Full PDB file with SEQRES, HELIX, SHEET, SSBOND, CRYST1, ORIGX, SCALE, CONECT and MASTER records, all heavy atoms in Angstrom:
SEQRES   1 A   31  ASP ASP LEU PRO ALA PHE ALA THR LEU VAL ASN THR MET          
SEQRES   2 A   31  LYS LYS GLY ASN LEU LEU THR ALA ASN VAL THR ASP SER          
SEQRES   3 A   31  VAL SER HIS VAL ARG                                          
HELIX    1 AA1 LEU A    3  MET A   13  1                                  11    
HELIX    2 AA2 VAL A   23  SER A   26  1                                   4    
CRYST1    1.000    1.000    1.000  90.00  90.00  90.00 P 1           1          
ORIGX1      1.000000  0.000000  0.000000        0.00000                         
ORIGX2      0.000000  1.000000  0.000000        0.00000                         
ORIGX3      0.000000  0.000000  1.000000        0.00000                         
SCALE1      1.000000  0.000000  0.000000        0.00000                         
SCALE2      0.000000  1.000000  0.000000        0.00000                         
SCALE3      0.000000  0.000000  1.000000        0.00000                         
ATOM      1  N   ASP A   1     -26.198   9.073   5.490  1.00  0.00           N  
ATOM      2  CA  ASP A   1     -27.258   8.065   5.551  1.00  0.00           C  
ATOM      3  C   ASP A   1     -27.784   7.676   4.176  1.00  0.00           C  
ATOM      4  O   ASP A   1     -28.610   6.755   4.062  1.00  0.00           O  
ATOM      5  CB  ASP A   1     -28.409   8.569   6.427  1.00  0.00           C  
ATOM      6  CG  ASP A   1     -28.027   8.606   7.902  1.00  0.00           C  
ATOM      7  OD1 ASP A   1     -27.074   7.892   8.278  1.00  0.00           O  
ATOM      8  OD2 ASP A   1     -28.660   9.349   8.673  1.00  0.00           O  
ATOM      9  N   ASP A   2     -27.335   8.367   3.113  1.00  0.00           N  
ATOM     10  CA  ASP A   2     -27.725   8.006   1.749  1.00  0.00           C  
ATOM     11  C   ASP A   2     -26.726   7.049   1.097  1.00  0.00           C  
ATOM     12  O   ASP A   2     -26.882   6.697  -0.079  1.00  0.00           O  
ATOM     13  CB  ASP A   2     -27.851   9.261   0.871  1.00  0.00           C  
ATOM     14  CG  ASP A   2     -29.108  10.051   1.183  1.00  0.00           C  
ATOM     15  OD1 ASP A   2     -29.989   9.513   1.879  1.00  0.00           O  
ATOM     16  OD2 ASP A   2     -29.215  11.216   0.734  1.00  0.00           O  
ATOM     17  N   LEU A   3     -25.714   6.621   1.837  1.00  0.00           N  
ATOM     18  CA  LEU A   3     -24.695   5.741   1.260  1.00  0.00           C  
ATOM     19  C   LEU A   3     -25.261   4.435   0.700  1.00  0.00           C  
ATOM     20  O   LEU A   3     -24.819   3.981  -0.362  1.00  0.00           O  
ATOM     21  CB  LEU A   3     -23.609   5.451   2.300  1.00  0.00           C  
ATOM     22  CG  LEU A   3     -22.643   6.609   2.593  1.00  0.00           C  
ATOM     23  CD1 LEU A   3     -21.653   6.209   3.679  1.00  0.00           C  
ATOM     24  CD2 LEU A   3     -21.905   7.043   1.342  1.00  0.00           C  
ATOM     25  N   PRO A   4     -26.226   3.782   1.355  1.00  0.00           N  
ATOM     26  CA  PRO A   4     -26.784   2.560   0.745  1.00  0.00           C  
ATOM     27  C   PRO A   4     -27.398   2.822  -0.627  1.00  0.00           C  
ATOM     28  O   PRO A   4     -27.273   1.985  -1.535  1.00  0.00           O  
ATOM     29  CB  PRO A   4     -27.838   2.117   1.763  1.00  0.00           C  
ATOM     30  CG  PRO A   4     -27.367   2.673   3.069  1.00  0.00           C  
ATOM     31  CD  PRO A   4     -26.749   3.997   2.720  1.00  0.00           C  
ATOM     32  N   ALA A   5     -28.066   3.958  -0.788  1.00  0.00           N  
ATOM     33  CA  ALA A   5     -28.658   4.287  -2.095  1.00  0.00           C  
ATOM     34  C   ALA A   5     -27.570   4.477  -3.143  1.00  0.00           C  
ATOM     35  O   ALA A   5     -27.721   4.057  -4.296  1.00  0.00           O  
ATOM     36  CB  ALA A   5     -29.513   5.545  -1.974  1.00  0.00           C  
ATOM     37  N   PHE A   6     -26.456   5.097  -2.753  1.00  0.00           N  
ATOM     38  CA  PHE A   6     -25.370   5.293  -3.710  1.00  0.00           C  
ATOM     39  C   PHE A   6     -24.650   3.981  -4.009  1.00  0.00           C  
ATOM     40  O   PHE A   6     -24.123   3.797  -5.108  1.00  0.00           O  
ATOM     41  CB  PHE A   6     -24.392   6.347  -3.186  1.00  0.00           C  
ATOM     42  CG  PHE A   6     -24.827   7.746  -3.491  1.00  0.00           C  
ATOM     43  CD1 PHE A   6     -25.643   8.440  -2.623  1.00  0.00           C  
ATOM     44  CD2 PHE A   6     -24.455   8.360  -4.680  1.00  0.00           C  
ATOM     45  CE1 PHE A   6     -26.078   9.723  -2.915  1.00  0.00           C  
ATOM     46  CE2 PHE A   6     -24.872   9.640  -4.983  1.00  0.00           C  
ATOM     47  CZ  PHE A   6     -25.689  10.330  -4.099  1.00  0.00           C  
ATOM     48  N   ALA A   7     -24.620   3.080  -3.050  1.00  0.00           N  
ATOM     49  CA  ALA A   7     -24.060   1.759  -3.329  1.00  0.00           C  
ATOM     50  C   ALA A   7     -24.914   1.035  -4.367  1.00  0.00           C  
ATOM     51  O   ALA A   7     -24.389   0.363  -5.265  1.00  0.00           O  
ATOM     52  CB  ALA A   7     -23.972   0.942  -2.038  1.00  0.00           C  
ATOM     53  N   THR A   8     -26.236   1.179  -4.252  1.00  0.00           N  
ATOM     54  CA  THR A   8     -27.129   0.612  -5.261  1.00  0.00           C  
ATOM     55  C   THR A   8     -26.857   1.233  -6.624  1.00  0.00           C  
ATOM     56  O   THR A   8     -26.841   0.537  -7.656  1.00  0.00           O  
ATOM     57  CB  THR A   8     -28.600   0.857  -4.855  1.00  0.00           C  
ATOM     58  OG1 THR A   8     -28.851   0.246  -3.591  1.00  0.00           O  
ATOM     59  CG2 THR A   8     -29.549   0.280  -5.891  1.00  0.00           C  
ATOM     60  N   LEU A   9     -26.621   2.539  -6.646  1.00  0.00           N  
ATOM     61  CA  LEU A   9     -26.336   3.229  -7.901  1.00  0.00           C  
ATOM     62  C   LEU A   9     -25.020   2.743  -8.512  1.00  0.00           C  
ATOM     63  O   LEU A   9     -24.911   2.570  -9.738  1.00  0.00           O  
ATOM     64  CB  LEU A   9     -26.280   4.735  -7.656  1.00  0.00           C  
ATOM     65  CG  LEU A   9     -26.110   5.627  -8.888  1.00  0.00           C  
ATOM     66  CD1 LEU A   9     -27.277   5.448  -9.837  1.00  0.00           C  
ATOM     67  CD2 LEU A   9     -25.961   7.090  -8.475  1.00  0.00           C  
ATOM     68  N   VAL A  10     -24.019   2.510  -7.670  1.00  0.00           N  
ATOM     69  CA  VAL A  10     -22.732   2.004  -8.163  1.00  0.00           C  
ATOM     70  C   VAL A  10     -22.916   0.635  -8.806  1.00  0.00           C  
ATOM     71  O   VAL A  10     -22.330   0.345  -9.867  1.00  0.00           O  
ATOM     72  CB  VAL A  10     -21.704   1.936  -7.012  1.00  0.00           C  
ATOM     73  CG1 VAL A  10     -20.460   1.165  -7.444  1.00  0.00           C  
ATOM     74  CG2 VAL A  10     -21.306   3.341  -6.576  1.00  0.00           C  
ATOM     75  N   ASN A  11     -23.714  -0.223  -8.194  1.00  0.00           N  
ATOM     76  CA  ASN A  11     -23.976  -1.538  -8.781  1.00  0.00           C  
ATOM     77  C   ASN A  11     -24.660  -1.409 -10.138  1.00  0.00           C  
ATOM     78  O   ASN A  11     -24.381  -2.183 -11.068  1.00  0.00           O  
ATOM     79  CB  ASN A  11     -24.847  -2.369  -7.835  1.00  0.00           C  
ATOM     80  CG  ASN A  11     -24.078  -2.890  -6.639  1.00  0.00           C  
ATOM     81  OD1 ASN A  11     -22.871  -3.098  -6.708  1.00  0.00           O  
ATOM     82  ND2 ASN A  11     -24.760  -3.074  -5.527  1.00  0.00           N  
ATOM     83  N   THR A  12     -25.549  -0.431 -10.260  1.00  0.00           N  
ATOM     84  CA  THR A  12     -26.220  -0.201 -11.543  1.00  0.00           C  
ATOM     85  C   THR A  12     -25.235   0.321 -12.575  1.00  0.00           C  
ATOM     86  O   THR A  12     -25.273  -0.060 -13.754  1.00  0.00           O  
ATOM     87  CB  THR A  12     -27.373   0.809 -11.362  1.00  0.00           C  
ATOM     88  OG1 THR A  12     -28.266   0.342 -10.347  1.00  0.00           O  
ATOM     89  CG2 THR A  12     -28.144   0.990 -12.657  1.00  0.00           C  
ATOM     90  N   MET A  13     -24.305   1.177 -12.148  1.00  0.00           N  
ATOM     91  CA  MET A  13     -23.310   1.749 -13.064  1.00  0.00           C  
ATOM     92  C   MET A  13     -22.413   0.668 -13.665  1.00  0.00           C  
ATOM     93  O   MET A  13     -21.936   0.808 -14.796  1.00  0.00           O  
ATOM     94  CB  MET A  13     -22.469   2.791 -12.334  1.00  0.00           C  
ATOM     95  CG  MET A  13     -23.214   4.063 -11.991  1.00  0.00           C  
ATOM     96  SD  MET A  13     -22.245   5.163 -10.906  1.00  0.00           S  
ATOM     97  CE  MET A  13     -20.855   5.552 -11.969  1.00  0.00           C  
ATOM     98  N   LYS A  14     -22.176  -0.401 -12.924  1.00  0.00           N  
ATOM     99  CA  LYS A  14     -21.319  -1.475 -13.429  1.00  0.00           C  
ATOM    100  C   LYS A  14     -21.917  -2.158 -14.647  1.00  0.00           C  
ATOM    101  O   LYS A  14     -21.202  -2.783 -15.430  1.00  0.00           O  
ATOM    102  CB  LYS A  14     -21.060  -2.494 -12.319  1.00  0.00           C  
ATOM    103  CG  LYS A  14     -20.206  -1.965 -11.181  1.00  0.00           C  
ATOM    104  CD  LYS A  14     -19.999  -3.026 -10.109  1.00  0.00           C  
ATOM    105  CE  LYS A  14     -19.133  -2.510  -8.972  1.00  0.00           C  
ATOM    106  NZ  LYS A  14     -18.929  -3.540  -7.922  1.00  0.00           N  
ATOM    107  N   LYS A  15     -23.237  -2.029 -14.807  1.00  0.00           N  
ATOM    108  CA  LYS A  15     -23.914  -2.653 -15.942  1.00  0.00           C  
ATOM    109  C   LYS A  15     -24.073  -1.693 -17.113  1.00  0.00           C  
ATOM    110  O   LYS A  15     -24.544  -2.076 -18.182  1.00  0.00           O  
ATOM    111  CB  LYS A  15     -25.300  -3.145 -15.520  1.00  0.00           C  
ATOM    112  CG  LYS A  15     -25.290  -4.071 -14.305  1.00  0.00           C  
ATOM    113  CD  LYS A  15     -26.705  -4.363 -13.826  1.00  0.00           C  
ATOM    114  CE  LYS A  15     -26.691  -5.171 -12.541  1.00  0.00           C  
ATOM    115  NZ  LYS A  15     -28.064  -5.381 -12.018  1.00  0.00           N  
ATOM    116  N   GLY A  16     -23.704  -0.425 -16.908  1.00  0.00           N  
ATOM    117  CA  GLY A  16     -23.943   0.592 -17.920  1.00  0.00           C  
ATOM    118  C   GLY A  16     -22.734   0.896 -18.777  1.00  0.00           C  
ATOM    119  O   GLY A  16     -21.651   0.328 -18.614  1.00  0.00           O  
ATOM    120  N   ASN A  17     -22.920   1.805 -19.718  1.00  0.00           N  
ATOM    121  CA  ASN A  17     -21.838   2.279 -20.585  1.00  0.00           C  
ATOM    122  C   ASN A  17     -21.134   3.459 -19.930  1.00  0.00           C  
ATOM    123  O   ASN A  17     -21.743   4.194 -19.150  1.00  0.00           O  
ATOM    124  CB  ASN A  17     -22.390   2.722 -21.949  1.00  0.00           C  
ATOM    125  CG  ASN A  17     -23.253   1.651 -22.612  1.00  0.00           C  
ATOM    126  OD1 ASN A  17     -24.202   1.982 -23.306  1.00  0.00           O  
ATOM    127  ND2 ASN A  17     -22.940   0.384 -22.417  1.00  0.00           N  
ATOM    128  N   LEU A  18     -19.859   3.633 -20.261  1.00  0.00           N  
ATOM    129  CA  LEU A  18     -19.098   4.782 -19.768  1.00  0.00           C  
ATOM    130  C   LEU A  18     -18.655   5.599 -20.971  1.00  0.00           C  
ATOM    131  O   LEU A  18     -17.841   5.143 -21.780  1.00  0.00           O  
ATOM    132  CB  LEU A  18     -17.880   4.325 -18.953  1.00  0.00           C  
ATOM    133  CG  LEU A  18     -17.053   5.438 -18.307  1.00  0.00           C  
ATOM    134  CD1 LEU A  18     -17.915   6.260 -17.353  1.00  0.00           C  
ATOM    135  CD2 LEU A  18     -15.862   4.859 -17.559  1.00  0.00           C  
ATOM    136  N   LEU A  19     -19.232   6.797 -21.098  1.00  0.00           N  
ATOM    137  CA  LEU A  19     -18.972   7.653 -22.244  1.00  0.00           C  
ATOM    138  C   LEU A  19     -18.225   8.913 -21.823  1.00  0.00           C  
ATOM    139  O   LEU A  19     -18.204   9.277 -20.649  1.00  0.00           O  
ATOM    140  CB  LEU A  19     -20.294   8.048 -22.919  1.00  0.00           C  
ATOM    141  CG  LEU A  19     -21.203   6.911 -23.399  1.00  0.00           C  
ATOM    142  CD1 LEU A  19     -22.515   7.478 -23.917  1.00  0.00           C  
ATOM    143  CD2 LEU A  19     -20.505   6.085 -24.471  1.00  0.00           C  
ATOM    144  N   THR A  20     -17.638   9.569 -22.810  1.00  0.00           N  
ATOM    145  CA  THR A  20     -16.960  10.846 -22.596  1.00  0.00           C  
ATOM    146  C   THR A  20     -17.566  11.891 -23.525  1.00  0.00           C  
ATOM    147  O   THR A  20     -17.707  11.642 -24.724  1.00  0.00           O  
ATOM    148  CB  THR A  20     -15.450  10.730 -22.875  1.00  0.00           C  
ATOM    149  OG1 THR A  20     -14.857   9.897 -21.882  1.00  0.00           O  
ATOM    150  CG2 THR A  20     -14.783  12.096 -22.834  1.00  0.00           C  
ATOM    151  N   ALA A  21     -17.935  13.022 -22.969  1.00  0.00           N  
ATOM    152  CA  ALA A  21     -18.368  14.161 -23.773  1.00  0.00           C  
ATOM    153  C   ALA A  21     -17.143  15.047 -24.001  1.00  0.00           C  
ATOM    154  O   ALA A  21     -16.662  15.698 -23.076  1.00  0.00           O  
ATOM    155  CB  ALA A  21     -19.471  14.935 -23.054  1.00  0.00           C  
ATOM    156  N   ASN A  22     -16.622  15.029 -25.233  1.00  0.00           N  
ATOM    157  CA  ASN A  22     -15.359  15.707 -25.528  1.00  0.00           C  
ATOM    158  C   ASN A  22     -15.553  17.200 -25.779  1.00  0.00           C  
ATOM    159  O   ASN A  22     -15.378  17.701 -26.886  1.00  0.00           O  
ATOM    160  CB  ASN A  22     -14.709  15.056 -26.759  1.00  0.00           C  
ATOM    161  CG  ASN A  22     -14.340  13.612 -26.494  1.00  0.00           C  
ATOM    162  OD1 ASN A  22     -13.658  13.303 -25.530  1.00  0.00           O  
ATOM    163  ND2 ASN A  22     -14.820  12.719 -27.352  1.00  0.00           N  
ATOM    164  N   VAL A  23     -15.914  17.937 -24.742  1.00  0.00           N  
ATOM    165  CA  VAL A  23     -16.125  19.375 -24.910  1.00  0.00           C  
ATOM    166  C   VAL A  23     -14.806  20.106 -25.105  1.00  0.00           C  
ATOM    167  O   VAL A  23     -14.749  21.160 -25.742  1.00  0.00           O  
ATOM    168  CB  VAL A  23     -16.882  19.948 -23.698  1.00  0.00           C  
ATOM    169  CG1 VAL A  23     -18.248  19.299 -23.551  1.00  0.00           C  
ATOM    170  CG2 VAL A  23     -16.087  19.779 -22.416  1.00  0.00           C  
ATOM    171  N   THR A  24     -13.723  19.546 -24.586  1.00  0.00           N  
ATOM    172  CA  THR A  24     -12.430  20.238 -24.677  1.00  0.00           C  
ATOM    173  C   THR A  24     -11.908  20.275 -26.098  1.00  0.00           C  
ATOM    174  O   THR A  24     -11.208  21.210 -26.494  1.00  0.00           O  
ATOM    175  CB  THR A  24     -11.397  19.537 -23.784  1.00  0.00           C  
ATOM    176  OG1 THR A  24     -11.262  18.177 -24.207  1.00  0.00           O  
ATOM    177  CG2 THR A  24     -11.831  19.558 -22.335  1.00  0.00           C  
ATOM    178  N   ASP A  25     -12.224  19.263 -26.893  1.00  0.00           N  
ATOM    179  CA  ASP A  25     -11.758  19.221 -28.275  1.00  0.00           C  
ATOM    180  C   ASP A  25     -12.649  20.029 -29.209  1.00  0.00           C  
ATOM    181  O   ASP A  25     -12.277  20.307 -30.342  1.00  0.00           O  
ATOM    182  CB  ASP A  25     -11.725  17.769 -28.786  1.00  0.00           C  
ATOM    183  CG  ASP A  25     -10.633  16.964 -28.107  1.00  0.00           C  
ATOM    184  OD1 ASP A  25      -9.722  17.581 -27.546  1.00  0.00           O  
ATOM    185  OD2 ASP A  25     -10.718  15.729 -28.130  1.00  0.00           O  
ATOM    186  N   SER A  26     -13.840  20.349 -28.739  1.00  0.00           N  
ATOM    187  CA  SER A  26     -14.866  20.843 -29.647  1.00  0.00           C  
ATOM    188  C   SER A  26     -15.079  22.354 -29.597  1.00  0.00           C  
ATOM    189  O   SER A  26     -15.763  22.897 -30.457  1.00  0.00           O  
ATOM    190  CB  SER A  26     -16.195  20.140 -29.352  1.00  0.00           C  
ATOM    191  OG  SER A  26     -16.038  18.736 -29.360  1.00  0.00           O  
ATOM    192  N   VAL A  27     -14.534  23.025 -28.577  1.00  0.00           N  
ATOM    193  CA  VAL A  27     -14.760  24.467 -28.461  1.00  0.00           C  
ATOM    194  C   VAL A  27     -13.445  25.174 -28.153  1.00  0.00           C  
ATOM    195  O   VAL A  27     -12.500  24.580 -27.638  1.00  0.00           O  
ATOM    196  CB  VAL A  27     -15.782  24.799 -27.347  1.00  0.00           C  
ATOM    197  CG1 VAL A  27     -17.130  24.178 -27.641  1.00  0.00           C  
ATOM    198  CG2 VAL A  27     -15.272  24.328 -25.988  1.00  0.00           C  
ATOM    199  N   SER A  28     -13.407  26.446 -28.459  1.00  0.00           N  
ATOM    200  CA  SER A  28     -12.255  27.275 -28.104  1.00  0.00           C  
ATOM    201  C   SER A  28     -12.271  27.544 -26.608  1.00  0.00           C  
ATOM    202  O   SER A  28     -13.335  27.753 -26.011  1.00  0.00           O  
ATOM    203  CB  SER A  28     -12.326  28.600 -28.876  1.00  0.00           C  
ATOM    204  OG  SER A  28     -11.436  29.548 -28.313  1.00  0.00           O  
ATOM    205  N   HIS A  29     -11.096  27.553 -26.008  1.00  0.00           N  
ATOM    206  CA  HIS A  29     -11.015  27.842 -24.580  1.00  0.00           C  
ATOM    207  C   HIS A  29     -10.993  29.336 -24.316  1.00  0.00           C  
ATOM    208  O   HIS A  29     -11.267  29.774 -23.196  1.00  0.00           O  
ATOM    209  CB  HIS A  29      -9.774  27.201 -23.975  1.00  0.00           C  
ATOM    210  CG  HIS A  29      -9.807  25.701 -23.999  1.00  0.00           C  
ATOM    211  ND1 HIS A  29      -8.808  24.932 -23.452  1.00  0.00           N  
ATOM    212  CD2 HIS A  29     -10.712  24.825 -24.511  1.00  0.00           C  
ATOM    213  CE1 HIS A  29      -9.095  23.644 -23.631  1.00  0.00           C  
ATOM    214  NE2 HIS A  29     -10.247  23.568 -24.269  1.00  0.00           N  
ATOM    215  N   VAL A  30     -10.653  30.129 -25.322  1.00  0.00           N  
ATOM    216  CA  VAL A  30     -10.569  31.579 -25.164  1.00  0.00           C  
ATOM    217  C   VAL A  30     -11.947  32.214 -25.279  1.00  0.00           C  
ATOM    218  O   VAL A  30     -12.342  33.039 -24.451  1.00  0.00           O  
ATOM    219  CB  VAL A  30      -9.611  32.178 -26.210  1.00  0.00           C  
ATOM    220  CG1 VAL A  30      -9.556  33.702 -26.064  1.00  0.00           C  
ATOM    221  CG2 VAL A  30      -8.219  31.578 -26.046  1.00  0.00           C  
ATOM    222  N   ARG A  31     -12.672  31.847 -26.302  1.00  0.00           N  
ATOM    223  CA  ARG A  31     -14.044  32.325 -26.490  1.00  0.00           C  
ATOM    224  C   ARG A  31     -14.959  31.105 -26.688  1.00  0.00           C  
ATOM    225  O   ARG A  31     -15.392  30.810 -27.796  1.00  0.00           O  
ATOM    226  CB  ARG A  31     -14.143  33.280 -27.669  1.00  0.00           C  
ATOM    227  CG  ARG A  31     -13.460  34.619 -27.420  1.00  0.00           C  
ATOM    228  CD  ARG A  31     -13.682  35.579 -28.577  1.00  0.00           C  
ATOM    229  NE  ARG A  31     -13.088  36.873 -28.306  1.00  0.00           N  
ATOM    230  CZ  ARG A  31     -13.684  37.862 -27.646  1.00  0.00           C  
ATOM    231  NH1 ARG A  31     -14.917  37.685 -27.187  1.00  0.00           N  
ATOM    232  NH2 ARG A  31     -13.075  39.009 -27.436  1.00  0.00           N  
TER     233      ARG A  31                                                      
MASTER        0    0    0    2    0    0    0    6  232    1    0    3          
END                                                                             
């Protein structure tokens, strides 16, 4: 029943920026 609210959120996302947080390049996977 929250799908209409998420549809509103999707419409808002279309106007926004899409960024990537590159954590995989920035830290060791072992420690």
